[in-house]
N, C-alpha and C. Protein backbone atom coordinates (compact mmCIF):
# COMPACT_ATOMS: atom_id res chain seq x y z
N MET A 1 6.48 33.96 -15.40
CA MET A 1 6.33 33.35 -14.08
C MET A 1 6.94 34.27 -13.04
N SER A 2 6.25 34.43 -11.90
CA SER A 2 6.75 35.31 -10.85
C SER A 2 6.82 34.52 -9.52
N VAL A 3 7.56 35.09 -8.58
CA VAL A 3 7.73 34.50 -7.25
C VAL A 3 7.06 35.41 -6.24
N ARG A 4 6.24 34.85 -5.37
CA ARG A 4 5.56 35.65 -4.36
C ARG A 4 6.46 35.79 -3.14
N LEU A 5 7.13 36.92 -3.03
CA LEU A 5 8.04 37.17 -1.91
C LEU A 5 7.29 37.83 -0.76
N LYS A 6 7.61 37.42 0.45
CA LYS A 6 6.88 37.95 1.60
C LYS A 6 7.78 38.59 2.67
N LYS A 7 9.03 38.12 2.75
CA LYS A 7 9.92 38.57 3.81
C LYS A 7 11.10 39.34 3.23
N PHE A 8 11.17 40.63 3.59
CA PHE A 8 12.18 41.53 3.00
C PHE A 8 13.02 42.20 4.06
N TRP A 9 14.28 42.41 3.72
CA TRP A 9 15.09 43.41 4.38
C TRP A 9 15.09 44.63 3.47
N LEU A 10 14.97 45.82 4.05
CA LEU A 10 15.06 47.07 3.29
C LEU A 10 16.05 48.00 3.98
N ALA A 11 17.13 48.32 3.27
CA ALA A 11 18.14 49.24 3.79
C ALA A 11 18.03 50.55 3.01
N GLY A 12 17.90 51.65 3.74
CA GLY A 12 17.81 52.95 3.09
C GLY A 12 16.38 53.47 3.01
N ALA A 13 15.50 53.02 3.89
CA ALA A 13 14.11 53.43 3.86
C ALA A 13 13.90 54.89 4.22
N ASN A 14 14.93 55.53 4.77
CA ASN A 14 14.83 56.94 5.12
C ASN A 14 15.13 57.85 3.93
N GLY A 15 15.46 57.29 2.78
CA GLY A 15 15.75 58.08 1.60
C GLY A 15 14.57 58.21 0.67
N LEU A 16 14.75 58.96 -0.40
CA LEU A 16 13.68 59.25 -1.35
C LEU A 16 13.14 57.99 -1.99
N VAL A 17 14.02 57.18 -2.58
CA VAL A 17 13.60 55.93 -3.21
C VAL A 17 13.25 54.90 -2.16
N GLY A 18 14.01 54.88 -1.06
CA GLY A 18 13.74 53.91 0.00
C GLY A 18 12.34 54.04 0.58
N ARG A 19 11.88 55.28 0.77
CA ARG A 19 10.52 55.49 1.29
C ARG A 19 9.49 54.98 0.29
N ALA A 20 9.72 55.23 -1.00
CA ALA A 20 8.81 54.74 -2.02
C ALA A 20 8.82 53.22 -2.08
N LEU A 21 9.98 52.62 -1.85
CA LEU A 21 10.08 51.17 -1.85
C LEU A 21 9.28 50.56 -0.70
N LEU A 22 9.35 51.18 0.48
CA LEU A 22 8.59 50.70 1.62
C LEU A 22 7.09 50.73 1.33
N GLN A 23 6.64 51.83 0.76
CA GLN A 23 5.22 51.94 0.41
C GLN A 23 4.81 50.90 -0.61
N CYS A 24 5.69 50.65 -1.57
CA CYS A 24 5.42 49.67 -2.62
C CYS A 24 5.32 48.27 -2.04
N LEU A 25 6.24 47.93 -1.17
CA LEU A 25 6.24 46.59 -0.55
C LEU A 25 4.99 46.36 0.27
N LEU A 26 4.54 47.40 0.99
CA LEU A 26 3.39 47.26 1.87
C LEU A 26 2.06 47.21 1.13
N GLU A 27 2.10 47.39 -0.19
CA GLU A 27 0.88 47.19 -0.97
C GLU A 27 0.43 45.74 -0.95
N ASP A 28 1.40 44.85 -0.69
CA ASP A 28 1.07 43.42 -0.53
C ASP A 28 0.71 43.20 0.94
N PRO A 29 -0.51 42.86 1.26
CA PRO A 29 -0.91 42.71 2.67
C PRO A 29 -0.20 41.59 3.40
N ASN A 30 0.52 40.74 2.66
CA ASN A 30 1.23 39.62 3.30
C ASN A 30 2.72 39.91 3.49
N ALA A 31 3.17 41.07 3.03
CA ALA A 31 4.59 41.39 3.10
C ALA A 31 5.02 41.74 4.52
N GLN A 32 6.20 41.24 4.89
CA GLN A 32 6.83 41.58 6.16
C GLN A 32 8.14 42.30 5.83
N VAL A 33 8.33 43.50 6.35
CA VAL A 33 9.49 44.31 5.99
C VAL A 33 10.31 44.63 7.25
N ASP A 34 11.57 44.27 7.22
CA ASP A 34 12.49 44.61 8.30
C ASP A 34 13.40 45.74 7.81
N LEU A 35 13.30 46.88 8.45
CA LEU A 35 14.06 48.06 8.05
C LEU A 35 15.41 48.04 8.76
N LEU A 36 16.48 48.19 7.99
CA LEU A 36 17.83 48.28 8.52
C LEU A 36 18.21 49.75 8.55
N LEU A 37 18.41 50.28 9.76
CA LEU A 37 18.65 51.70 9.94
C LEU A 37 19.87 51.95 10.79
N ARG A 38 20.55 53.04 10.50
CA ARG A 38 21.69 53.43 11.35
C ARG A 38 21.21 53.87 12.73
N ARG A 39 20.05 54.53 12.74
CA ARG A 39 19.45 54.96 13.98
C ARG A 39 17.93 55.00 13.79
N PRO A 40 17.16 54.86 14.86
CA PRO A 40 15.68 54.86 14.74
C PRO A 40 15.17 56.16 14.13
N ILE A 41 14.16 56.05 13.29
CA ILE A 41 13.52 57.21 12.67
C ILE A 41 12.03 57.13 12.91
N GLN A 42 11.50 58.07 13.65
CA GLN A 42 10.11 58.00 14.10
C GLN A 42 9.10 58.10 12.96
N ILE A 43 9.46 58.82 11.90
CA ILE A 43 8.46 59.07 10.85
C ILE A 43 8.20 57.85 9.99
N LEU A 44 9.07 56.80 10.10
CA LEU A 44 8.83 55.60 9.31
C LEU A 44 7.76 54.78 9.98
N SER A 45 6.81 54.32 9.15
CA SER A 45 5.68 53.55 9.71
C SER A 45 6.20 52.23 10.26
N GLN A 46 5.65 51.85 11.44
CA GLN A 46 5.97 50.59 12.03
C GLN A 46 4.68 49.94 12.48
N GLY A 47 4.70 48.66 12.69
CA GLY A 47 3.52 47.93 13.08
C GLY A 47 3.79 46.46 12.94
N PRO A 48 2.74 45.66 12.88
CA PRO A 48 2.91 44.21 12.78
C PRO A 48 3.72 43.78 11.56
N ARG A 49 3.64 44.57 10.48
CA ARG A 49 4.31 44.15 9.25
C ARG A 49 5.61 44.89 8.97
N VAL A 50 5.95 45.86 9.81
CA VAL A 50 7.17 46.64 9.62
C VAL A 50 7.91 46.74 10.96
N GLN A 51 9.14 46.28 10.95
CA GLN A 51 9.96 46.35 12.16
C GLN A 51 11.30 47.03 11.82
N ALA A 52 11.72 47.93 12.70
CA ALA A 52 12.98 48.63 12.48
C ALA A 52 14.08 48.02 13.33
N HIS A 53 15.29 47.94 12.78
CA HIS A 53 16.45 47.38 13.46
C HIS A 53 17.63 48.35 13.31
N SER A 54 18.26 48.70 14.41
CA SER A 54 19.45 49.52 14.35
C SER A 54 20.64 48.63 14.03
N VAL A 55 21.39 48.96 12.99
CA VAL A 55 22.52 48.13 12.58
C VAL A 55 23.74 49.01 12.39
N ASP A 56 24.89 48.37 12.30
CA ASP A 56 26.15 49.06 12.03
C ASP A 56 26.59 48.72 10.62
N PHE A 57 26.37 49.65 9.71
CA PHE A 57 26.68 49.40 8.30
C PHE A 57 28.18 49.26 8.03
N SER A 58 29.00 49.67 8.98
CA SER A 58 30.45 49.56 8.78
C SER A 58 30.97 48.15 9.03
N ARG A 59 30.12 47.26 9.53
CA ARG A 59 30.51 45.90 9.82
C ARG A 59 29.83 44.92 8.87
N SER A 60 30.57 43.89 8.46
CA SER A 60 30.01 42.93 7.51
C SER A 60 28.89 42.11 8.13
N ASP A 61 28.86 42.03 9.48
CA ASP A 61 27.76 41.32 10.14
C ASP A 61 26.68 42.28 10.63
N LEU A 62 26.80 43.56 10.24
CA LEU A 62 25.85 44.63 10.61
C LEU A 62 25.73 44.82 12.12
N GLY A 63 26.73 44.40 12.84
CA GLY A 63 26.71 44.60 14.29
C GLY A 63 26.47 43.30 15.05
N GLY A 64 26.09 42.27 14.35
CA GLY A 64 25.96 40.98 14.99
C GLY A 64 24.61 40.66 15.62
N ALA A 65 23.70 41.66 15.70
CA ALA A 65 22.40 41.39 16.30
C ALA A 65 21.60 40.48 15.39
N PRO A 66 20.88 39.49 15.96
CA PRO A 66 20.10 38.58 15.11
C PRO A 66 18.96 39.30 14.41
N LEU A 67 18.80 39.02 13.16
CA LEU A 67 17.73 39.62 12.34
C LEU A 67 16.87 38.51 11.75
N PRO A 68 15.59 38.79 11.48
CA PRO A 68 14.72 37.79 10.85
C PRO A 68 15.28 37.34 9.51
N THR A 69 15.01 36.10 9.17
CA THR A 69 15.49 35.55 7.89
C THR A 69 14.72 36.19 6.73
N PRO A 70 15.44 36.78 5.76
CA PRO A 70 14.77 37.39 4.61
C PRO A 70 14.71 36.43 3.40
N GLU A 71 13.71 36.64 2.57
CA GLU A 71 13.69 35.96 1.28
C GLU A 71 14.41 36.82 0.24
N ALA A 72 14.33 38.15 0.47
CA ALA A 72 14.96 39.08 -0.47
C ALA A 72 15.44 40.32 0.31
N VAL A 73 16.43 40.96 -0.25
CA VAL A 73 16.93 42.22 0.34
C VAL A 73 16.90 43.30 -0.72
N ILE A 74 16.47 44.48 -0.31
CA ILE A 74 16.44 45.63 -1.22
C ILE A 74 17.31 46.71 -0.58
N ILE A 75 18.25 47.22 -1.36
CA ILE A 75 19.24 48.18 -0.82
C ILE A 75 19.13 49.50 -1.58
N SER A 76 18.83 50.57 -0.83
CA SER A 76 18.72 51.89 -1.43
C SER A 76 19.55 52.89 -0.63
N LEU A 77 20.78 52.49 -0.35
CA LEU A 77 21.71 53.36 0.39
C LEU A 77 22.48 54.20 -0.60
N GLY A 78 22.67 55.47 -0.28
CA GLY A 78 23.43 56.29 -1.21
C GLY A 78 23.62 57.69 -0.66
N SER A 79 24.63 58.36 -1.16
CA SER A 79 24.92 59.73 -0.73
C SER A 79 25.57 60.44 -1.92
N THR A 80 26.14 61.57 -1.64
CA THR A 80 26.98 62.27 -2.63
C THR A 80 28.30 62.58 -1.94
N LYS A 81 29.31 62.86 -2.74
CA LYS A 81 30.61 63.18 -2.15
C LYS A 81 30.51 64.40 -1.26
N ALA A 82 29.74 65.40 -1.72
CA ALA A 82 29.57 66.62 -0.93
C ALA A 82 28.83 66.33 0.38
N GLN A 83 27.82 65.52 0.30
CA GLN A 83 27.04 65.15 1.49
C GLN A 83 27.86 64.32 2.46
N ALA A 84 28.62 63.37 1.94
CA ALA A 84 29.42 62.50 2.79
C ALA A 84 30.59 63.25 3.43
N GLY A 85 31.15 64.20 2.70
CA GLY A 85 32.23 65.01 3.25
C GLY A 85 33.60 64.68 2.68
N SER A 86 33.78 63.50 2.10
CA SER A 86 35.06 63.13 1.51
C SER A 86 34.84 61.93 0.61
N ALA A 87 35.83 61.66 -0.22
CA ALA A 87 35.74 60.50 -1.12
C ALA A 87 35.68 59.20 -0.30
N GLU A 88 36.45 59.16 0.78
CA GLU A 88 36.47 57.96 1.61
C GLU A 88 35.12 57.72 2.29
N ALA A 89 34.51 58.79 2.77
CA ALA A 89 33.22 58.67 3.44
C ALA A 89 32.12 58.28 2.43
N PHE A 90 32.23 58.81 1.22
CA PHE A 90 31.26 58.46 0.18
C PHE A 90 31.39 56.96 -0.15
N ARG A 91 32.59 56.47 -0.29
CA ARG A 91 32.80 55.06 -0.60
C ARG A 91 32.31 54.18 0.54
N ALA A 92 32.44 54.64 1.77
CA ALA A 92 32.00 53.87 2.94
C ALA A 92 30.49 53.61 2.88
N VAL A 93 29.73 54.57 2.35
CA VAL A 93 28.28 54.41 2.24
C VAL A 93 27.90 53.70 0.95
N ASP A 94 28.35 54.21 -0.18
CA ASP A 94 27.86 53.74 -1.47
C ASP A 94 28.49 52.46 -1.96
N PHE A 95 29.58 52.07 -1.35
CA PHE A 95 30.19 50.77 -1.69
C PHE A 95 30.16 49.83 -0.47
N GLN A 96 30.85 50.22 0.59
CA GLN A 96 31.06 49.29 1.72
C GLN A 96 29.74 48.96 2.43
N ALA A 97 28.94 49.95 2.75
CA ALA A 97 27.68 49.69 3.46
C ALA A 97 26.73 48.82 2.63
N VAL A 98 26.67 49.13 1.34
CA VAL A 98 25.81 48.33 0.44
C VAL A 98 26.28 46.88 0.41
N LEU A 99 27.57 46.69 0.28
CA LEU A 99 28.12 45.33 0.22
C LEU A 99 27.89 44.59 1.54
N HIS A 100 28.05 45.27 2.66
CA HIS A 100 27.85 44.63 3.95
C HIS A 100 26.39 44.15 4.11
N VAL A 101 25.44 44.98 3.69
CA VAL A 101 24.03 44.56 3.77
C VAL A 101 23.79 43.35 2.91
N ALA A 102 24.31 43.37 1.68
CA ALA A 102 24.12 42.23 0.78
C ALA A 102 24.75 40.96 1.31
N GLN A 103 25.96 41.09 1.86
CA GLN A 103 26.65 39.93 2.42
C GLN A 103 25.87 39.34 3.60
N ALA A 104 25.39 40.23 4.48
CA ALA A 104 24.66 39.77 5.66
C ALA A 104 23.35 39.10 5.25
N ALA A 105 22.68 39.67 4.25
CA ALA A 105 21.42 39.09 3.77
C ALA A 105 21.65 37.72 3.13
N LYS A 106 22.69 37.61 2.33
CA LYS A 106 22.99 36.32 1.70
C LYS A 106 23.31 35.27 2.76
N HIS A 107 24.07 35.66 3.78
CA HIS A 107 24.41 34.75 4.86
C HIS A 107 23.17 34.35 5.65
N ALA A 108 22.19 35.27 5.76
CA ALA A 108 20.97 35.00 6.52
C ALA A 108 19.96 34.18 5.74
N GLY A 109 20.20 34.00 4.44
CA GLY A 109 19.31 33.15 3.66
C GLY A 109 18.60 33.80 2.49
N ALA A 110 18.84 35.09 2.23
CA ALA A 110 18.20 35.77 1.12
C ALA A 110 18.66 35.17 -0.22
N LYS A 111 17.70 34.90 -1.09
CA LYS A 111 18.00 34.36 -2.41
C LYS A 111 18.02 35.43 -3.49
N ARG A 112 17.32 36.55 -3.19
CA ARG A 112 17.20 37.61 -4.19
C ARG A 112 17.65 38.96 -3.61
N CYS A 113 18.15 39.79 -4.48
CA CYS A 113 18.66 41.10 -4.05
C CYS A 113 18.32 42.13 -5.11
N ALA A 114 17.92 43.31 -4.67
CA ALA A 114 17.72 44.43 -5.58
C ALA A 114 18.48 45.63 -5.02
N VAL A 115 19.10 46.39 -5.87
CA VAL A 115 19.89 47.53 -5.40
C VAL A 115 19.66 48.74 -6.30
N VAL A 116 19.63 49.91 -5.71
CA VAL A 116 19.53 51.16 -6.47
C VAL A 116 20.93 51.66 -6.70
N SER A 117 21.34 51.71 -7.96
CA SER A 117 22.65 52.20 -8.36
C SER A 117 22.45 53.58 -9.00
N ALA A 118 23.04 53.83 -10.12
CA ALA A 118 22.92 55.12 -10.77
C ALA A 118 23.23 55.03 -12.26
N LEU A 119 22.63 55.92 -13.01
CA LEU A 119 22.89 56.02 -14.45
C LEU A 119 24.39 56.26 -14.65
N GLY A 120 24.98 55.48 -15.54
CA GLY A 120 26.39 55.67 -15.85
C GLY A 120 27.34 54.87 -14.97
N ALA A 121 26.80 54.02 -14.09
CA ALA A 121 27.66 53.22 -13.23
C ALA A 121 28.63 52.38 -14.06
N ASP A 122 29.91 52.48 -13.74
CA ASP A 122 30.93 51.77 -14.54
C ASP A 122 32.21 51.73 -13.71
N ALA A 123 32.63 50.53 -13.34
CA ALA A 123 33.83 50.39 -12.53
C ALA A 123 35.07 50.97 -13.22
N GLY A 124 35.05 51.07 -14.54
CA GLY A 124 36.17 51.60 -15.29
C GLY A 124 36.07 53.08 -15.57
N SER A 125 35.03 53.74 -15.05
CA SER A 125 34.81 55.15 -15.33
C SER A 125 35.89 56.02 -14.67
N LYS A 126 36.19 57.15 -15.31
CA LYS A 126 37.09 58.12 -14.72
C LYS A 126 36.35 59.08 -13.80
N VAL A 127 35.04 58.98 -13.81
CA VAL A 127 34.20 59.81 -12.90
C VAL A 127 34.07 59.03 -11.59
N PHE A 128 34.52 59.61 -10.50
CA PHE A 128 34.59 58.89 -9.23
C PHE A 128 33.24 58.31 -8.83
N TYR A 129 32.18 59.09 -8.90
CA TYR A 129 30.85 58.64 -8.52
C TYR A 129 30.42 57.40 -9.31
N ASN A 130 30.55 57.46 -10.61
CA ASN A 130 30.18 56.34 -11.47
C ASN A 130 31.08 55.12 -11.24
N GLN A 131 32.34 55.37 -10.94
CA GLN A 131 33.30 54.29 -10.69
C GLN A 131 32.89 53.50 -9.44
N VAL A 132 32.58 54.23 -8.36
CA VAL A 132 32.21 53.57 -7.11
C VAL A 132 30.91 52.77 -7.28
N LYS A 133 29.95 53.34 -7.98
CA LYS A 133 28.70 52.65 -8.24
C LYS A 133 28.95 51.36 -9.04
N GLY A 134 29.84 51.46 -10.02
CA GLY A 134 30.17 50.29 -10.84
C GLY A 134 30.87 49.22 -10.03
N GLU A 135 31.79 49.62 -9.16
CA GLU A 135 32.47 48.66 -8.29
C GLU A 135 31.50 47.99 -7.34
N MET A 136 30.53 48.75 -6.85
CA MET A 136 29.52 48.19 -5.98
C MET A 136 28.71 47.14 -6.70
N GLU A 137 28.30 47.42 -7.91
CA GLU A 137 27.54 46.46 -8.71
C GLU A 137 28.34 45.16 -8.90
N ALA A 138 29.62 45.30 -9.24
CA ALA A 138 30.47 44.13 -9.47
C ALA A 138 30.59 43.29 -8.20
N ALA A 139 30.72 43.96 -7.05
CA ALA A 139 30.85 43.24 -5.80
C ALA A 139 29.59 42.46 -5.47
N LEU A 140 28.44 43.02 -5.76
CA LEU A 140 27.17 42.31 -5.51
C LEU A 140 27.00 41.15 -6.49
N MET A 141 27.42 41.32 -7.72
CA MET A 141 27.35 40.22 -8.69
C MET A 141 28.19 39.04 -8.21
N ALA A 142 29.32 39.33 -7.59
CA ALA A 142 30.21 38.28 -7.14
C ALA A 142 29.60 37.44 -6.01
N LEU A 143 28.59 37.95 -5.35
CA LEU A 143 27.93 37.21 -4.26
C LEU A 143 27.04 36.11 -4.81
N GLN A 144 26.68 36.18 -6.08
CA GLN A 144 25.93 35.13 -6.77
C GLN A 144 24.57 34.83 -6.11
N PHE A 145 23.77 35.87 -5.97
CA PHE A 145 22.39 35.64 -5.59
C PHE A 145 21.68 34.88 -6.71
N GLU A 146 20.61 34.18 -6.39
CA GLU A 146 19.83 33.52 -7.44
C GLU A 146 19.31 34.54 -8.44
N ARG A 147 18.99 35.73 -7.94
CA ARG A 147 18.57 36.82 -8.82
C ARG A 147 19.00 38.15 -8.21
N LEU A 148 19.68 38.95 -9.00
CA LEU A 148 20.13 40.29 -8.61
C LEU A 148 19.57 41.28 -9.63
N VAL A 149 18.82 42.26 -9.13
CA VAL A 149 18.26 43.30 -10.01
C VAL A 149 18.90 44.62 -9.64
N ILE A 150 19.51 45.26 -10.63
CA ILE A 150 20.21 46.54 -10.44
C ILE A 150 19.46 47.64 -11.15
N ALA A 151 19.07 48.67 -10.41
CA ALA A 151 18.38 49.81 -11.01
C ALA A 151 19.36 50.96 -11.19
N ARG A 152 19.39 51.52 -12.41
CA ARG A 152 20.26 52.66 -12.70
C ARG A 152 19.41 53.86 -13.11
N PRO A 153 18.78 54.51 -12.14
CA PRO A 153 17.92 55.64 -12.49
C PRO A 153 18.70 56.89 -12.89
N SER A 154 18.04 57.70 -13.68
CA SER A 154 18.55 59.02 -14.03
C SER A 154 18.34 59.93 -12.82
N LEU A 155 18.40 61.23 -13.04
CA LEU A 155 18.21 62.21 -11.97
C LEU A 155 16.83 62.03 -11.34
N LEU A 156 16.79 61.90 -10.02
CA LEU A 156 15.54 61.66 -9.30
C LEU A 156 14.75 62.96 -9.13
N ARG A 157 13.46 62.86 -9.39
CA ARG A 157 12.59 64.01 -9.21
C ARG A 157 12.00 63.99 -7.82
N ALA A 158 12.17 65.07 -7.08
CA ALA A 158 11.62 65.19 -5.74
C ALA A 158 10.72 66.41 -5.67
N ALA A 159 9.57 66.28 -5.02
CA ALA A 159 8.67 67.41 -4.86
C ALA A 159 9.30 68.44 -3.95
N ALA A 160 8.86 69.68 -4.06
CA ALA A 160 9.37 70.76 -3.24
C ALA A 160 9.25 70.39 -1.76
N GLY A 161 10.37 70.48 -1.05
CA GLY A 161 10.37 70.22 0.38
C GLY A 161 10.42 68.74 0.75
N GLU A 162 10.40 67.84 -0.25
CA GLU A 162 10.33 66.41 0.04
C GLU A 162 11.63 65.92 0.69
N ARG A 163 12.75 66.37 0.19
CA ARG A 163 14.02 65.94 0.78
C ARG A 163 14.17 66.48 2.21
N ALA A 164 13.73 67.71 2.42
CA ALA A 164 13.82 68.29 3.76
C ALA A 164 12.95 67.51 4.74
N ALA A 165 11.79 67.07 4.27
CA ALA A 165 10.88 66.29 5.11
C ALA A 165 11.49 64.96 5.50
N LEU A 166 12.41 64.46 4.68
CA LEU A 166 13.08 63.20 4.96
C LEU A 166 14.36 63.42 5.77
N GLY A 167 14.66 64.68 6.09
CA GLY A 167 15.86 64.98 6.83
C GLY A 167 17.10 64.99 5.99
N GLN A 168 16.92 65.11 4.67
CA GLN A 168 18.06 65.12 3.77
C GLN A 168 18.48 66.56 3.41
N PRO A 169 19.78 66.80 3.21
CA PRO A 169 20.24 68.13 2.87
C PRO A 169 19.77 68.55 1.48
N ASP A 170 19.67 69.84 1.27
CA ASP A 170 19.29 70.36 -0.03
C ASP A 170 20.40 70.05 -1.04
N ARG A 171 20.00 69.81 -2.30
CA ARG A 171 20.97 69.58 -3.36
C ARG A 171 20.75 70.62 -4.43
N PRO A 172 21.41 71.77 -4.30
CA PRO A 172 21.17 72.89 -5.22
C PRO A 172 21.39 72.53 -6.67
N GLY A 173 22.47 71.79 -6.96
CA GLY A 173 22.75 71.41 -8.35
C GLY A 173 21.63 70.58 -8.94
N GLU A 174 21.13 69.62 -8.16
CA GLU A 174 20.04 68.78 -8.59
C GLU A 174 18.77 69.60 -8.80
N ARG A 175 18.53 70.52 -7.86
CA ARG A 175 17.32 71.34 -7.93
C ARG A 175 17.32 72.21 -9.18
N TRP A 176 18.46 72.81 -9.50
CA TRP A 176 18.56 73.65 -10.68
C TRP A 176 18.44 72.83 -11.96
N ALA A 177 19.04 71.67 -11.97
CA ALA A 177 18.96 70.80 -13.16
C ALA A 177 17.52 70.40 -13.44
N LEU A 178 16.77 70.10 -12.37
CA LEU A 178 15.37 69.74 -12.54
C LEU A 178 14.55 70.93 -13.02
N ALA A 179 14.84 72.11 -12.47
CA ALA A 179 14.09 73.31 -12.86
C ALA A 179 14.34 73.65 -14.33
N LEU A 180 15.57 73.51 -14.78
CA LEU A 180 15.91 73.83 -16.17
C LEU A 180 15.34 72.81 -17.14
N SER A 181 15.24 71.56 -16.69
CA SER A 181 14.78 70.50 -17.60
C SER A 181 13.27 70.39 -17.67
N ARG A 182 12.57 70.95 -16.66
CA ARG A 182 11.10 70.74 -16.58
C ARG A 182 10.39 71.17 -17.85
N PRO A 183 10.66 72.32 -18.45
CA PRO A 183 9.94 72.71 -19.67
C PRO A 183 10.24 71.78 -20.85
N LEU A 184 11.35 71.08 -20.80
CA LEU A 184 11.78 70.26 -21.93
C LEU A 184 11.49 68.76 -21.71
N LEU A 185 10.84 68.40 -20.62
CA LEU A 185 10.64 66.99 -20.28
C LEU A 185 10.10 66.15 -21.44
N PRO A 186 9.07 66.60 -22.17
CA PRO A 186 8.55 65.76 -23.24
C PRO A 186 9.54 65.49 -24.36
N LEU A 187 10.57 66.36 -24.45
CA LEU A 187 11.54 66.23 -25.52
C LEU A 187 12.76 65.41 -25.10
N ILE A 188 12.92 65.17 -23.80
CA ILE A 188 14.08 64.44 -23.32
C ILE A 188 13.83 62.94 -23.43
N PRO A 189 14.74 62.19 -24.08
CA PRO A 189 14.56 60.74 -24.18
C PRO A 189 14.39 60.09 -22.81
N LEU A 190 13.64 59.02 -22.75
CA LEU A 190 13.39 58.35 -21.47
C LEU A 190 14.70 57.94 -20.79
N ALA A 191 15.71 57.64 -21.56
CA ALA A 191 16.98 57.18 -20.99
C ALA A 191 17.61 58.21 -20.08
N TRP A 192 17.35 59.50 -20.33
CA TRP A 192 17.96 60.58 -19.52
C TRP A 192 16.94 61.43 -18.80
N ARG A 193 15.67 61.19 -19.03
CA ARG A 193 14.64 62.02 -18.42
C ARG A 193 14.63 61.84 -16.89
N PRO A 194 14.51 62.91 -16.13
CA PRO A 194 14.39 62.77 -14.66
C PRO A 194 13.25 61.82 -14.33
N ILE A 195 13.43 61.06 -13.25
CA ILE A 195 12.51 59.97 -12.94
C ILE A 195 12.01 60.10 -11.49
N GLU A 196 10.76 59.79 -11.27
CA GLU A 196 10.18 59.86 -9.94
C GLU A 196 10.58 58.63 -9.12
N ALA A 197 10.79 58.85 -7.82
CA ALA A 197 11.19 57.74 -6.95
C ALA A 197 10.16 56.63 -6.94
N SER A 198 8.89 56.99 -7.02
CA SER A 198 7.82 55.96 -7.01
C SER A 198 7.90 55.07 -8.24
N VAL A 199 8.34 55.60 -9.37
CA VAL A 199 8.48 54.82 -10.59
C VAL A 199 9.63 53.84 -10.45
N VAL A 200 10.74 54.31 -9.90
CA VAL A 200 11.88 53.43 -9.64
C VAL A 200 11.48 52.30 -8.69
N ALA A 201 10.76 52.63 -7.65
CA ALA A 201 10.35 51.64 -6.66
C ALA A 201 9.43 50.60 -7.26
N ARG A 202 8.45 51.04 -8.04
CA ARG A 202 7.51 50.09 -8.65
C ARG A 202 8.24 49.14 -9.58
N ALA A 203 9.14 49.67 -10.39
CA ALA A 203 9.87 48.84 -11.34
C ALA A 203 10.74 47.82 -10.60
N LEU A 204 11.40 48.27 -9.54
CA LEU A 204 12.31 47.39 -8.80
C LEU A 204 11.54 46.28 -8.09
N CYS A 205 10.45 46.64 -7.45
CA CYS A 205 9.64 45.62 -6.75
C CYS A 205 9.08 44.59 -7.73
N LEU A 206 8.63 45.05 -8.88
CA LEU A 206 8.07 44.16 -9.89
C LEU A 206 9.13 43.21 -10.43
N ALA A 207 10.30 43.77 -10.79
CA ALA A 207 11.38 42.95 -11.37
C ALA A 207 11.94 41.94 -10.36
N LEU A 208 11.98 42.32 -9.09
CA LEU A 208 12.55 41.43 -8.08
C LEU A 208 11.75 40.14 -7.95
N GLY A 209 10.46 40.22 -8.14
CA GLY A 209 9.61 39.03 -8.01
C GLY A 209 9.43 38.25 -9.29
N GLN A 210 9.97 38.76 -10.39
CA GLN A 210 9.83 38.08 -11.66
C GLN A 210 10.92 37.04 -11.88
N ALA A 211 10.60 36.08 -12.74
CA ALA A 211 11.63 35.16 -13.21
C ALA A 211 12.51 35.91 -14.19
N GLY A 212 13.77 35.55 -14.24
CA GLY A 212 14.66 36.25 -15.16
C GLY A 212 16.08 35.79 -14.97
N PRO A 213 17.01 36.48 -15.58
CA PRO A 213 18.44 36.09 -15.50
C PRO A 213 18.96 36.29 -14.09
N ALA A 214 20.09 35.68 -13.79
CA ALA A 214 20.69 35.81 -12.46
C ALA A 214 21.00 37.29 -12.18
N VAL A 215 21.39 38.03 -13.18
CA VAL A 215 21.67 39.44 -13.02
C VAL A 215 20.89 40.22 -14.08
N GLN A 216 20.09 41.19 -13.64
CA GLN A 216 19.35 42.02 -14.57
C GLN A 216 19.61 43.49 -14.24
N VAL A 217 20.09 44.22 -15.23
CA VAL A 217 20.35 45.65 -15.05
C VAL A 217 19.23 46.44 -15.74
N LEU A 218 18.54 47.27 -14.96
CA LEU A 218 17.46 48.08 -15.49
C LEU A 218 17.96 49.52 -15.65
N GLU A 219 18.21 49.93 -16.90
CA GLU A 219 18.59 51.30 -17.13
C GLU A 219 17.35 52.20 -16.95
N SER A 220 17.60 53.50 -16.91
CA SER A 220 16.51 54.42 -16.55
C SER A 220 15.31 54.32 -17.50
N GLN A 221 15.57 54.11 -18.78
CA GLN A 221 14.47 53.97 -19.73
C GLN A 221 13.60 52.76 -19.39
N GLN A 222 14.25 51.66 -19.03
CA GLN A 222 13.51 50.46 -18.66
C GLN A 222 12.73 50.68 -17.36
N LEU A 223 13.33 51.43 -16.43
CA LEU A 223 12.64 51.73 -15.18
C LEU A 223 11.38 52.54 -15.45
N GLN A 224 11.50 53.53 -16.36
CA GLN A 224 10.35 54.36 -16.71
C GLN A 224 9.23 53.50 -17.26
N THR A 225 9.56 52.59 -18.14
CA THR A 225 8.55 51.73 -18.79
C THR A 225 7.95 50.72 -17.83
N LEU A 226 8.81 50.02 -17.09
CA LEU A 226 8.34 49.00 -16.17
C LEU A 226 7.57 49.61 -15.00
N GLY A 227 8.03 50.74 -14.52
CA GLY A 227 7.39 51.39 -13.40
C GLY A 227 6.03 51.95 -13.71
N ALA A 228 5.74 52.11 -14.99
CA ALA A 228 4.43 52.63 -15.41
C ALA A 228 3.39 51.52 -15.51
N LEU A 229 3.80 50.28 -15.35
CA LEU A 229 2.87 49.16 -15.56
C LEU A 229 2.00 48.92 -14.35
N ARG A 230 2.38 49.45 -13.18
CA ARG A 230 1.62 49.18 -11.95
C ARG A 230 0.87 50.41 -11.51
């Protein structure tokens, strides 16, 4: 059994997975998507079914401006410690901003939430990145949405120049890892195989509308399988 969702908040539409999520949501001609952005971005499609809103992710009320009531919220906010500039700045985006969006959505009436986390997320991890992602997941679970879907993708595959086109900085380590793994892709288990943003988006959109447990964690292997169904 599935639920036909029509009204969404989407935070992080300017990112690799976020852009794919927007495209996925708009495949439903009845979907209405409200984009939550730090600042306006011209390249994001807008029209009768897509509206952009400038918000303050550092505030739990997102700045206090009234936003349309959502049925579901999808959060694809994320950075790296190097990109953010410090551990504190990284936590402000990958933990605090994500939590603020979820809190505001729940307060506004959202019953369902989907979030893009990361492979290895664990609040008890000694790896700072994984620890913050795990703490974020725990904080969203505590909000007790009727349904929370957590995606933990492996290394994201981006086409040449795709990140630059989105205004994102180059990630040399990621680029080299993808280049080295490309010849071995068929031999890499799905659990660790690099994954395309469109596959993550399809899996997340599909799972969000399905009946299921209050909290569902989709590891990268499950994302690969579910994302291939559409």
